[in-house]
Amino acid sequence: MRKFIAIMMAIMIVLVCVGCGDNNTTGTTGTTQSSVIVQKEYKQDGTTLKRCIGQADENGVYRVPDGITFIYEMAFYGDTTVREIILPSSVTTIGSGAFGYCPSLR
């Protein structure tokens, strides 16, 4: 029962966070790739990468900017297009589930 409640709370948090916006959002757009809508979103707060969806290049590669020290929990969660993420040496902490449900990530 505890596990079920924890999973439900996690789902609710994800749904709330996906719908939230703040002044640090530098862009949110939707594009179509092969009849699939890809939501693009990027949020950075100082040296923390909070959300990064749909930012990979045409080869599915995303290079985390130099100076980022913390990749927030679930930052890349649900990005179905990213295949590879290149981290700079400045990254010291990666939050829980940062790369969750990224099925193309290798």
PDB file of N, CA and C in Angstrom:
ATOM      1  N   MET A   1       0.820  -1.187   0.000  1.00  0.00           N
ATOM      2  CA  MET A   1       0.000   0.000   0.000  1.00  0.00           C
ATOM      3  C   MET A   1       0.871   1.261   0.000  1.00  0.00           C
ATOM      4  N   ARG A   2       1.956   1.246   0.781  1.00  0.00           N
ATOM      5  CA  ARG A   2       2.854   2.401   0.823  1.00  0.00           C
ATOM      6  C   ARG A   2       3.479   2.658  -0.547  1.00  0.00           C
ATOM      7  N   LYS A   3       3.843   1.569  -1.206  1.00  0.00           N
ATOM      8  CA  LYS A   3       4.456   1.684  -2.529  1.00  0.00           C
ATOM      9  C   LYS A   3       3.460   2.301  -3.516  1.00  0.00           C
ATOM     10  N   PHE A   4       2.222   1.879  -3.462  1.00  0.00           N
ATOM     11  CA  PHE A   4       1.181   2.416  -4.329  1.00  0.00           C
ATOM     12  C   PHE A   4       0.993   3.908  -4.082  1.00  0.00           C
ATOM     13  N   ILE A   5       0.941   4.309  -2.829  1.00  0.00           N
ATOM     14  CA  ILE A   5       0.773   5.731  -2.490  1.00  0.00           C
ATOM     15  C   ILE A   5       1.976   6.536  -2.972  1.00  0.00           C
ATOM     16  N   ALA A   6       3.180   5.999  -2.791  1.00  0.00           N
ATOM     17  CA  ALA A   6       4.389   6.693  -3.243  1.00  0.00           C
ATOM     18  C   ALA A   6       4.385   6.876  -4.753  1.00  0.00           C
ATOM     19  N   ILE A   7       3.977   5.854  -5.478  1.00  0.00           N
ATOM     20  CA  ILE A   7       3.914   5.940  -6.946  1.00  0.00           C
ATOM     21  C   ILE A   7       2.874   6.965  -7.369  1.00  0.00           C
ATOM     22  N   MET A   8       1.721   6.945  -6.738  1.00  0.00           N
ATOM     23  CA  MET A   8       0.667   7.913  -7.085  1.00  0.00           C
ATOM     24  C   MET A   8       1.120   9.343  -6.793  1.00  0.00           C
ATOM     25  N   MET A   9       1.814   9.543  -5.690  1.00  0.00           N
ATOM     26  CA  MET A   9       2.308  10.884  -5.353  1.00  0.00           C
ATOM     27  C   MET A   9       3.349  11.335  -6.370  1.00  0.00           C
ATOM     28  N   ALA A  10       4.218  10.424  -6.789  1.00  0.00           N
ATOM     29  CA  ALA A  10       5.231  10.756  -7.783  1.00  0.00           C
ATOM     30  C   ALA A  10       4.578  11.156  -9.100  1.00  0.00           C
ATOM     31  N   ILE A  11       3.553  10.436  -9.505  1.00  0.00           N
ATOM     32  CA  ILE A  11       2.830  10.761 -10.741  1.00  0.00           C
ATOM     33  C   ILE A  11       2.182  12.128 -10.623  1.00  0.00           C
ATOM     34  N   MET A  12       1.587  12.404  -9.479  1.00  0.00           N
ATOM     35  CA  MET A  12       0.937  13.709  -9.280  1.00  0.00           C
ATOM     36  C   MET A  12       1.965  14.831  -9.313  1.00  0.00           C
ATOM     37  N   ILE A  13       3.129  14.626  -8.720  1.00  0.00           N
ATOM     38  CA  ILE A  13       4.179  15.642  -8.732  1.00  0.00           C
ATOM     39  C   ILE A  13       4.639  15.911 -10.155  1.00  0.00           C
ATOM     40  N   VAL A  14       4.825  14.846 -10.928  1.00  0.00           N
ATOM     41  CA  VAL A  14       5.244  15.020 -12.321  1.00  0.00           C
ATOM     42  C   VAL A  14       4.194  15.813 -13.087  1.00  0.00           C
ATOM     43  N   LEU A  15       2.931  15.468 -12.921  1.00  0.00           N
ATOM     44  CA  LEU A  15       1.872  16.169 -13.640  1.00  0.00           C
ATOM     45  C   LEU A  15       1.806  17.634 -13.240  1.00  0.00           C
ATOM     46  N   VAL A  16       1.965  17.922 -11.980  1.00  0.00           N
ATOM     47  CA  VAL A  16       1.945  19.307 -11.515  1.00  0.00           C
ATOM     48  C   VAL A  16       3.154  20.065 -12.048  1.00  0.00           C
ATOM     49  N   CYS A  17       4.332  19.440 -11.972  1.00  0.00           N
ATOM     50  CA  CYS A  17       5.549  20.111 -12.425  1.00  0.00           C
ATOM     51  C   CYS A  17       5.546  20.366 -13.926  1.00  0.00           C
ATOM     52  N   VAL A  18       5.020  19.447 -14.695  1.00  0.00           N
ATOM     53  CA  VAL A  18       4.962  19.632 -16.141  1.00  0.00           C
ATOM     54  C   VAL A  18       4.049  20.805 -16.483  1.00  0.00           C
ATOM     55  N   GLY A  19       3.003  20.995 -15.708  1.00  0.00           N
ATOM     56  CA  GLY A  19       2.074  22.095 -15.955  1.00  0.00           C
ATOM     57  C   GLY A  19       2.520  23.418 -15.372  1.00  0.00           C
ATOM     58  N   CYS A  20       3.546  23.385 -14.510  1.00  0.00           N
ATOM     59  CA  CYS A  20       4.006  24.616 -13.864  1.00  0.00           C
ATOM     60  C   CYS A  20       4.880  25.415 -14.811  1.00  0.00           C
ATOM     61  N   GLY A  21       4.846  26.690 -14.654  1.00  0.00           N
ATOM     62  CA  GLY A  21       5.742  27.569 -15.379  1.00  0.00           C
ATOM     63  C   GLY A  21       6.373  28.519 -14.400  1.00  0.00           C
ATOM     64  N   ASP A  22       7.590  28.977 -14.705  1.00  0.00           N
ATOM     65  CA  ASP A  22       8.199  30.006 -13.882  1.00  0.00           C
ATOM     66  C   ASP A  22       8.945  30.971 -14.779  1.00  0.00           C
ATOM     67  N   ASN A  23       9.471  32.002 -14.208  1.00  0.00           N
ATOM     68  CA  ASN A  23      10.134  33.040 -14.989  1.00  0.00           C
ATOM     69  C   ASN A  23      11.470  32.597 -15.550  1.00  0.00           C
ATOM     70  N   ASN A  24      11.955  31.414 -15.189  1.00  0.00           N
ATOM     71  CA  ASN A  24      13.225  30.928 -15.686  1.00  0.00           C
ATOM     72  C   ASN A  24      13.084  30.136 -16.978  1.00  0.00           C
ATOM     73  N   THR A  25      11.876  29.974 -17.455  1.00  0.00           N
ATOM     74  CA  THR A  25      11.653  29.233 -18.684  1.00  0.00           C
ATOM     75  C   THR A  25      12.140  30.065 -19.860  1.00  0.00           C
ATOM     76  N   THR A  26      13.041  29.482 -20.644  1.00  0.00           N
ATOM     77  CA  THR A  26      13.542  30.216 -21.793  1.00  0.00           C
ATOM     78  C   THR A  26      12.856  29.790 -23.081  1.00  0.00           C
ATOM     79  N   GLY A  27      12.050  28.730 -23.017  1.00  0.00           N
ATOM     80  CA  GLY A  27      11.327  28.360 -24.222  1.00  0.00           C
ATOM     81  C   GLY A  27      10.537  27.086 -24.059  1.00  0.00           C
ATOM     82  N   THR A  28       9.328  27.092 -24.575  1.00  0.00           N
ATOM     83  CA  THR A  28       8.493  25.906 -24.625  1.00  0.00           C
ATOM     84  C   THR A  28       7.761  25.944 -25.959  1.00  0.00           C
ATOM     85  N   THR A  29       8.010  24.941 -26.772  1.00  0.00           N
ATOM     86  CA  THR A  29       7.360  24.883 -28.073  1.00  0.00           C
ATOM     87  C   THR A  29       7.013  23.450 -28.386  1.00  0.00           C
ATOM     88  N   GLY A  30       6.196  23.262 -29.386  1.00  0.00           N
ATOM     89  CA  GLY A  30       5.885  21.925 -29.858  1.00  0.00           C
ATOM     90  C   GLY A  30       6.221  21.825 -31.330  1.00  0.00           C
ATOM     91  N   THR A  31       6.846  20.737 -31.738  1.00  0.00           N
ATOM     92  CA  THR A  31       7.158  20.530 -33.139  1.00  0.00           C
ATOM     93  C   THR A  31       6.738  19.119 -33.520  1.00  0.00           C
ATOM     94  N   THR A  32       6.646  18.877 -34.811  1.00  0.00           N
ATOM     95  CA  THR A  32       6.260  17.560 -35.292  1.00  0.00           C
ATOM     96  C   THR A  32       7.455  16.888 -35.941  1.00  0.00           C
ATOM     97  N   GLN A  33       7.751  15.662 -35.535  1.00  0.00           N
ATOM     98  CA  GLN A  33       8.786  14.852 -36.149  1.00  0.00           C
ATOM     99  C   GLN A  33       8.164  13.516 -36.497  1.00  0.00           C
ATOM    100  N   SER A  34       8.045  13.232 -37.763  1.00  0.00           N
ATOM    101  CA  SER A  34       7.484  11.965 -38.226  1.00  0.00           C
ATOM    102  C   SER A  34       6.135  11.671 -37.575  1.00  0.00           C
ATOM    103  N   SER A  35       5.238  12.620 -37.600  1.00  0.00           N
ATOM    104  CA  SER A  35       3.886  12.505 -37.063  1.00  0.00           C
ATOM    105  C   SER A  35       3.829  12.377 -35.541  1.00  0.00           C
ATOM    106  N   VAL A  36       4.938  12.648 -34.864  1.00  0.00           N
ATOM    107  CA  VAL A  36       4.974  12.614 -33.407  1.00  0.00           C
ATOM    108  C   VAL A  36       5.235  14.029 -32.913  1.00  0.00           C
ATOM    109  N   ILE A  37       4.394  14.502 -32.009  1.00  0.00           N
ATOM    110  CA  ILE A  37       4.594  15.841 -31.467  1.00  0.00           C
ATOM    111  C   ILE A  37       5.657  15.763 -30.376  1.00  0.00           C
ATOM    112  N   VAL A  38       6.700  16.581 -30.526  1.00  0.00           N
ATOM    113  CA  VAL A  38       7.780  16.617 -29.560  1.00  0.00           C
ATOM    114  C   VAL A  38       7.671  17.932 -28.805  1.00  0.00           C
ATOM    115  N   GLN A  39       7.439  17.839 -27.508  1.00  0.00           N
ATOM    116  CA  GLN A  39       7.353  19.028 -26.671  1.00  0.00           C
ATOM    117  C   GLN A  39       8.766  19.466 -26.323  1.00  0.00           C
ATOM    118  N   LYS A  40       9.071  20.750 -26.499  1.00  0.00           N
ATOM    119  CA  LYS A  40      10.386  21.273 -26.171  1.00  0.00           C
ATOM    120  C   LYS A  40      10.261  22.183 -24.969  1.00  0.00           C
ATOM    121  N   GLU A  41      11.147  21.980 -24.017  1.00  0.00           N
ATOM    122  CA  GLU A  41      11.115  22.786 -22.808  1.00  0.00           C
ATOM    123  C   GLU A  41      12.526  22.878 -22.241  1.00  0.00           C
ATOM    124  N   TYR A  42      12.889  24.054 -21.760  1.00  0.00           N
ATOM    125  CA  TYR A  42      14.198  24.248 -21.148  1.00  0.00           C
ATOM    126  C   TYR A  42      14.057  25.216 -19.987  1.00  0.00           C
ATOM    127  N   LYS A  43      14.541  24.783 -18.805  1.00  0.00           N
ATOM    128  CA  LYS A  43      14.535  25.640 -17.620  1.00  0.00           C
ATOM    129  C   LYS A  43      15.875  25.516 -16.926  1.00  0.00           C
ATOM    130  N   GLN A  44      16.475  26.660 -16.675  1.00  0.00           N
ATOM    131  CA  GLN A  44      17.743  26.693 -15.956  1.00  0.00           C
ATOM    132  C   GLN A  44      17.638  27.769 -14.894  1.00  0.00           C
ATOM    133  N   ASP A  45      18.117  27.462 -13.704  1.00  0.00           N
ATOM    134  CA  ASP A  45      18.117  28.434 -12.614  1.00  0.00           C
ATOM    135  C   ASP A  45      19.547  28.501 -12.089  1.00  0.00           C
ATOM    136  N   GLY A  46      20.285  29.516 -12.485  1.00  0.00           N
ATOM    137  CA  GLY A  46      21.693  29.615 -12.100  1.00  0.00           C
ATOM    138  C   GLY A  46      22.482  28.463 -12.679  1.00  0.00           C
ATOM    139  N   THR A  47      23.092  27.669 -11.805  1.00  0.00           N
ATOM    140  CA  THR A  47      23.893  26.529 -12.260  1.00  0.00           C
ATOM    141  C   THR A  47      23.121  25.218 -12.211  1.00  0.00           C
ATOM    142  N   THR A  48      21.791  25.316 -12.030  1.00  0.00           N
ATOM    143  CA  THR A  48      20.943  24.123 -11.977  1.00  0.00           C
ATOM    144  C   THR A  48      20.155  23.972 -13.268  1.00  0.00           C
ATOM    145  N   LEU A  49      20.291  22.820 -13.910  1.00  0.00           N
ATOM    146  CA  LEU A  49      19.476  22.500 -15.081  1.00  0.00           C
ATOM    147  C   LEU A  49      18.224  21.828 -14.551  1.00  0.00           C
ATOM    148  N   LYS A  50      17.098  22.551 -14.608  1.00  0.00           N
ATOM    149  CA  LYS A  50      15.855  22.056 -14.000  1.00  0.00           C
ATOM    150  C   LYS A  50      15.026  21.203 -14.944  1.00  0.00           C
ATOM    151  N   ARG A  51      14.979  21.563 -16.215  1.00  0.00           N
ATOM    152  CA  ARG A  51      14.148  20.831 -17.181  1.00  0.00           C
ATOM    153  C   ARG A  51      14.785  20.958 -18.549  1.00  0.00           C
ATOM    154  N   CYS A  52      14.889  19.851 -19.251  1.00  0.00           N
ATOM    155  CA  CYS A  52      15.522  19.862 -20.564  1.00  0.00           C
ATOM    156  C   CYS A  52      14.888  18.771 -21.427  1.00  0.00           C
ATOM    157  N   ILE A  53      13.907  19.162 -22.206  1.00  0.00           N
ATOM    158  CA  ILE A  53      13.174  18.220 -23.051  1.00  0.00           C
ATOM    159  C   ILE A  53      13.248  18.697 -24.503  1.00  0.00           C
ATOM    160  N   GLY A  54      13.548  17.789 -25.403  1.00  0.00           N
ATOM    161  CA  GLY A  54      13.530  18.107 -26.831  1.00  0.00           C
ATOM    162  C   GLY A  54      14.637  19.037 -27.287  1.00  0.00           C
ATOM    163  N   GLN A  55      15.723  19.096 -26.556  1.00  0.00           N
ATOM    164  CA  GLN A  55      16.819  20.008 -26.895  1.00  0.00           C
ATOM    165  C   GLN A  55      17.954  19.337 -27.656  1.00  0.00           C
ATOM    166  N   ALA A  56      17.881  18.037 -27.849  1.00  0.00           N
ATOM    167  CA  ALA A  56      18.951  17.308 -28.545  1.00  0.00           C
ATOM    168  C   ALA A  56      19.015  17.726 -30.014  1.00  0.00           C
ATOM    169  N   ASP A  57      20.216  17.585 -30.589  1.00  0.00           N
ATOM    170  CA  ASP A  57      20.380  17.912 -32.003  1.00  0.00           C
ATOM    171  C   ASP A  57      19.740  16.835 -32.883  1.00  0.00           C
ATOM    172  N   GLU A  58      19.926  16.944 -34.178  1.00  0.00           N
ATOM    173  CA  GLU A  58      19.278  16.017 -35.113  1.00  0.00           C
ATOM    174  C   GLU A  58      19.754  14.575 -34.953  1.00  0.00           C
ATOM    175  N   ASN A  59      20.894  14.375 -34.287  1.00  0.00           N
ATOM    176  CA  ASN A  59      21.411  13.028 -34.022  1.00  0.00           C
ATOM    177  C   ASN A  59      21.007  12.508 -32.651  1.00  0.00           C
ATOM    178  N   GLY A  60      20.219  13.301 -31.928  1.00  0.00           N
ATOM    179  CA  GLY A  60      19.773  12.894 -30.607  1.00  0.00           C
ATOM    180  C   GLY A  60      20.782  13.177 -29.510  1.00  0.00           C
ATOM    181  N   VAL A  61      21.766  14.024 -29.789  1.00  0.00           N
ATOM    182  CA  VAL A  61      22.826  14.329 -28.825  1.00  0.00           C
ATOM    183  C   VAL A  61      22.546  15.685 -28.166  1.00  0.00           C
ATOM    184  N   TYR A  62      22.657  15.720 -26.841  1.00  0.00           N
ATOM    185  CA  TYR A  62      22.521  16.983 -26.113  1.00  0.00           C
ATOM    186  C   TYR A  62      23.758  17.191 -25.256  1.00  0.00           C
ATOM    187  N   ARG A  63      24.362  18.362 -25.369  1.00  0.00           N
ATOM    188  CA  ARG A  63      25.544  18.719 -24.582  1.00  0.00           C
ATOM    189  C   ARG A  63      25.106  19.672 -23.482  1.00  0.00           C
ATOM    190  N   VAL A  64      25.212  19.229 -22.237  1.00  0.00           N
ATOM    191  CA  VAL A  64      24.867  20.068 -21.090  1.00  0.00           C
ATOM    192  C   VAL A  64      25.862  21.234 -21.067  1.00  0.00           C
ATOM    193  N   PRO A  65      25.356  22.467 -20.929  1.00  0.00           N
ATOM    194  CA  PRO A  65      26.246  23.637 -20.951  1.00  0.00           C
ATOM    195  C   PRO A  65      27.292  23.619 -19.836  1.00  0.00           C
ATOM    196  N   ASP A  66      28.486  24.107 -20.146  1.00  0.00           N
ATOM    197  CA  ASP A  66      29.530  24.267 -19.133  1.00  0.00           C
ATOM    198  C   ASP A  66      29.012  25.164 -18.022  1.00  0.00           C
ATOM    199  N   GLY A  67      29.405  24.877 -16.810  1.00  0.00           N
ATOM    200  CA  GLY A  67      28.980  25.681 -15.667  1.00  0.00           C
ATOM    201  C   GLY A  67      27.798  25.094 -14.914  1.00  0.00           C
ATOM    202  N   ILE A  68      27.068  24.176 -15.541  1.00  0.00           N
ATOM    203  CA  ILE A  68      25.961  23.511 -14.843  1.00  0.00           C
ATOM    204  C   ILE A  68      26.592  22.572 -13.810  1.00  0.00           C
ATOM    205  N   THR A  69      26.140  22.686 -12.554  1.00  0.00           N
ATOM    206  CA  THR A  69      26.674  21.832 -11.494  1.00  0.00           C
ATOM    207  C   THR A  69      25.669  20.793 -11.023  1.00  0.00           C
ATOM    208  N   PHE A  70      24.386  21.077 -11.231  1.00  0.00           N
ATOM    209  CA  PHE A  70      23.338  20.199 -10.712  1.00  0.00           C
ATOM    210  C   PHE A  70      22.299  19.946 -11.791  1.00  0.00           C
ATOM    211  N   ILE A  71      22.059  18.677 -12.087  1.00  0.00           N
ATOM    212  CA  ILE A  71      20.971  18.293 -12.980  1.00  0.00           C
ATOM    213  C   ILE A  71      19.827  17.867 -12.078  1.00  0.00           C
ATOM    214  N   TYR A  72      18.771  18.637 -12.112  1.00  0.00           N
ATOM    215  CA  TYR A  72      17.642  18.502 -11.199  1.00  0.00           C
ATOM    216  C   TYR A  72      16.924  17.163 -11.381  1.00  0.00           C
ATOM    217  N   GLU A  73      16.193  16.766 -10.345  1.00  0.00           N
ATOM    218  CA  GLU A  73      15.398  15.549 -10.388  1.00  0.00           C
ATOM    219  C   GLU A  73      14.444  15.595 -11.583  1.00  0.00           C
ATOM    220  N   MET A  74      14.430  14.540 -12.344  1.00  0.00           N
ATOM    221  CA  MET A  74      13.529  14.372 -13.487  1.00  0.00           C
ATOM    222  C   MET A  74      13.734  15.427 -14.578  1.00  0.00           C
ATOM    223  N   ALA A  75      14.930  15.999 -14.668  1.00  0.00           N
ATOM    224  CA  ALA A  75      15.213  17.057 -15.636  1.00  0.00           C
ATOM    225  C   ALA A  75      14.949  16.626 -17.081  1.00  0.00           C
ATOM    226  N   PHE A  76      15.328  15.414 -17.426  1.00  0.00           N
ATOM    227  CA  PHE A  76      15.152  14.922 -18.794  1.00  0.00           C
ATOM    228  C   PHE A  76      13.980  13.940 -18.893  1.00  0.00           C
ATOM    229  N   TYR A  77      13.260  13.747 -17.799  1.00  0.00           N
ATOM    230  CA  TYR A  77      12.220  12.731 -17.729  1.00  0.00           C
ATOM    231  C   TYR A  77      11.235  12.829 -18.894  1.00  0.00           C
ATOM    232  N   GLY A  78      11.082  11.734 -19.608  1.00  0.00           N
ATOM    233  CA  GLY A  78      10.104  11.669 -20.689  1.00  0.00           C
ATOM    234  C   GLY A  78      10.612  12.130 -22.043  1.00  0.00           C
ATOM    235  N   ASP A  79      11.883  12.504 -22.146  1.00  0.00           N
ATOM    236  CA  ASP A  79      12.421  12.916 -23.444  1.00  0.00           C
ATOM    237  C   ASP A  79      12.666  11.667 -24.282  1.00  0.00           C
ATOM    238  N   THR A  80      11.806  11.439 -25.235  1.00  0.00           N
ATOM    239  CA  THR A  80      11.887  10.229 -26.056  1.00  0.00           C
ATOM    240  C   THR A  80      12.840  10.380 -27.238  1.00  0.00           C
ATOM    241  N   THR A  81      13.399  11.575 -27.438  1.00  0.00           N
ATOM    242  CA  THR A  81      14.256  11.813 -28.595  1.00  0.00           C
ATOM    243  C   THR A  81      15.744  11.821 -28.273  1.00  0.00           C
ATOM    244  N   VAL A  82      16.117  12.054 -27.033  1.00  0.00           N
ATOM    245  CA  VAL A  82      17.533  12.153 -26.683  1.00  0.00           C
ATOM    246  C   VAL A  82      18.171  10.761 -26.674  1.00  0.00           C
ATOM    247  N   ARG A  83      19.322  10.650 -27.372  1.00  0.00           N
ATOM    248  CA  ARG A  83      20.030   9.368 -27.455  1.00  0.00           C
ATOM    249  C   ARG A  83      21.314   9.386 -26.634  1.00  0.00           C
ATOM    250  N   GLU A  84      21.904  10.569 -26.519  1.00  0.00           N
ATOM    251  CA  GLU A  84      23.179  10.690 -25.818  1.00  0.00           C
ATOM    252  C   GLU A  84      23.230  12.043 -25.124  1.00  0.00           C
ATOM    253  N   ILE A  85      23.744  12.072 -23.889  1.00  0.00           N
ATOM    254  CA  ILE A  85      23.888  13.309 -23.138  1.00  0.00           C
ATOM    255  C   ILE A  85      25.351  13.444 -22.753  1.00  0.00           C
ATOM    256  N   ILE A  86      25.951  14.567 -23.123  1.00  0.00           N
ATOM    257  CA  ILE A  86      27.355  14.818 -22.818  1.00  0.00           C
ATOM    258  C   ILE A  86      27.410  15.782 -21.639  1.00  0.00           C
ATOM    259  N   LEU A  87      28.046  15.331 -20.564  1.00  0.00           N
ATOM    260  CA  LEU A  87      28.121  16.120 -19.333  1.00  0.00           C
ATOM    261  C   LEU A  87      29.481  16.803 -19.219  1.00  0.00           C
ATOM    262  N   PRO A  88      29.490  18.094 -18.828  1.00  0.00           N
ATOM    263  CA  PRO A  88      30.764  18.762 -18.582  1.00  0.00           C
ATOM    264  C   PRO A  88      31.311  18.346 -17.218  1.00  0.00           C
ATOM    265  N   SER A  89      32.569  18.620 -16.962  1.00  0.00           N
ATOM    266  CA  SER A  89      33.183  18.256 -15.683  1.00  0.00           C
ATOM    267  C   SER A  89      32.605  19.067 -14.530  1.00  0.00           C
ATOM    268  N   SER A  90      31.893  20.140 -14.818  1.00  0.00           N
ATOM    269  CA  SER A  90      31.302  20.973 -13.759  1.00  0.00           C
ATOM    270  C   SER A  90      30.132  20.287 -13.058  1.00  0.00           C
ATOM    271  N   VAL A  91      29.508  19.274 -13.684  1.00  0.00           N
ATOM    272  CA  VAL A  91      28.372  18.580 -13.074  1.00  0.00           C
ATOM    273  C   VAL A  91      28.869  17.732 -11.900  1.00  0.00           C
ATOM    274  N   THR A  92      28.331  18.022 -10.714  1.00  0.00           N
ATOM    275  CA  THR A  92      28.724  17.277  -9.507  1.00  0.00           C
ATOM    276  C   THR A  92      27.575  16.472  -8.931  1.00  0.00           C
ATOM    277  N   THR A  93      26.322  16.835  -9.282  1.00  0.00           N
ATOM    278  CA  THR A  93      25.166  16.160  -8.706  1.00  0.00           C
ATOM    279  C   THR A  93      24.110  15.930  -9.771  1.00  0.00           C
ATOM    280  N   ILE A  94      23.545  14.724  -9.766  1.00  0.00           N
ATOM    281  CA  ILE A  94      22.441  14.393 -10.665  1.00  0.00           C
ATOM    282  C   ILE A  94      21.294  13.908  -9.797  1.00  0.00           C
ATOM    283  N   GLY A  95      20.161  14.580  -9.908  1.00  0.00           N
ATOM    284  CA  GLY A  95      19.000  14.254  -9.090  1.00  0.00           C
ATOM    285  C   GLY A  95      18.344  12.939  -9.468  1.00  0.00           C
ATOM    286  N   SER A  96      17.566  12.448  -8.550  1.00  0.00           N
ATOM    287  CA  SER A  96      16.852  11.187  -8.719  1.00  0.00           C
ATOM    288  C   SER A  96      15.937  11.228  -9.942  1.00  0.00           C
ATOM    289  N   GLY A  97      16.011  10.202 -10.760  1.00  0.00           N
ATOM    290  CA  GLY A  97      15.131  10.082 -11.921  1.00  0.00           C
ATOM    291  C   GLY A  97      15.403  11.093 -13.016  1.00  0.00           C
ATOM    292  N   ALA A  98      16.576  11.716 -13.002  1.00  0.00           N
ATOM    293  CA  ALA A  98      16.887  12.768 -13.985  1.00  0.00           C
ATOM    294  C   ALA A  98      16.734  12.275 -15.427  1.00  0.00           C
ATOM    295  N   PHE A  99      17.028  11.008 -15.666  1.00  0.00           N
ATOM    296  CA  PHE A  99      16.966  10.464 -17.021  1.00  0.00           C
ATOM    297  C   PHE A  99      15.876   9.397 -17.156  1.00  0.00           C
ATOM    298  N   GLY A 100      14.885   9.445 -16.282  1.00  0.00           N
ATOM    299  CA  GLY A 100      13.809   8.471 -16.306  1.00  0.00           C
ATOM    300  C   GLY A 100      12.971   8.564 -17.580  1.00  0.00           C
ATOM    301  N   TYR A 101      12.518   7.438 -18.046  1.00  0.00           N
ATOM    302  CA  TYR A 101      11.710   7.307 -19.257  1.00  0.00           C
ATOM    303  C   TYR A 101      12.308   8.075 -20.439  1.00  0.00           C
ATOM    304  N   CYS A 102      13.561   7.781 -20.700  1.00  0.00           N
ATOM    305  CA  CYS A 102      14.250   8.266 -21.899  1.00  0.00           C
ATOM    306  C   CYS A 102      14.618   7.009 -22.682  1.00  0.00           C
ATOM    307  N   PRO A 103      13.668   6.405 -23.385  1.00  0.00           N
ATOM    308  CA  PRO A 103      13.880   5.091 -23.989  1.00  0.00           C
ATOM    309  C   PRO A 103      14.955   5.028 -25.050  1.00  0.00           C
ATOM    310  N   SER A 104      15.315   6.155 -25.659  1.00  0.00           N
ATOM    311  CA  SER A 104      16.352   6.144 -26.705  1.00  0.00           C
ATOM    312  C   SER A 104      17.745   6.390 -26.151  1.00  0.00           C
ATOM    313  N   LEU A 105      17.850   6.752 -24.885  1.00  0.00           N
ATOM    314  CA  LEU A 105      19.136   7.061 -24.271  1.00  0.00           C
ATOM    315  C   LEU A 105      19.969   5.788 -24.159  1.00  0.00           C
ATOM    316  N   ARG A 106      21.220   5.906 -24.616  1.00  0.00           N
ATOM    317  CA  ARG A 106      22.108   4.742 -24.528  1.00  0.00           C
ATOM    318  C   ARG A 106      23.307   5.054 -23.679  1.00  0.00           C
TER     319      ARG A 106
END
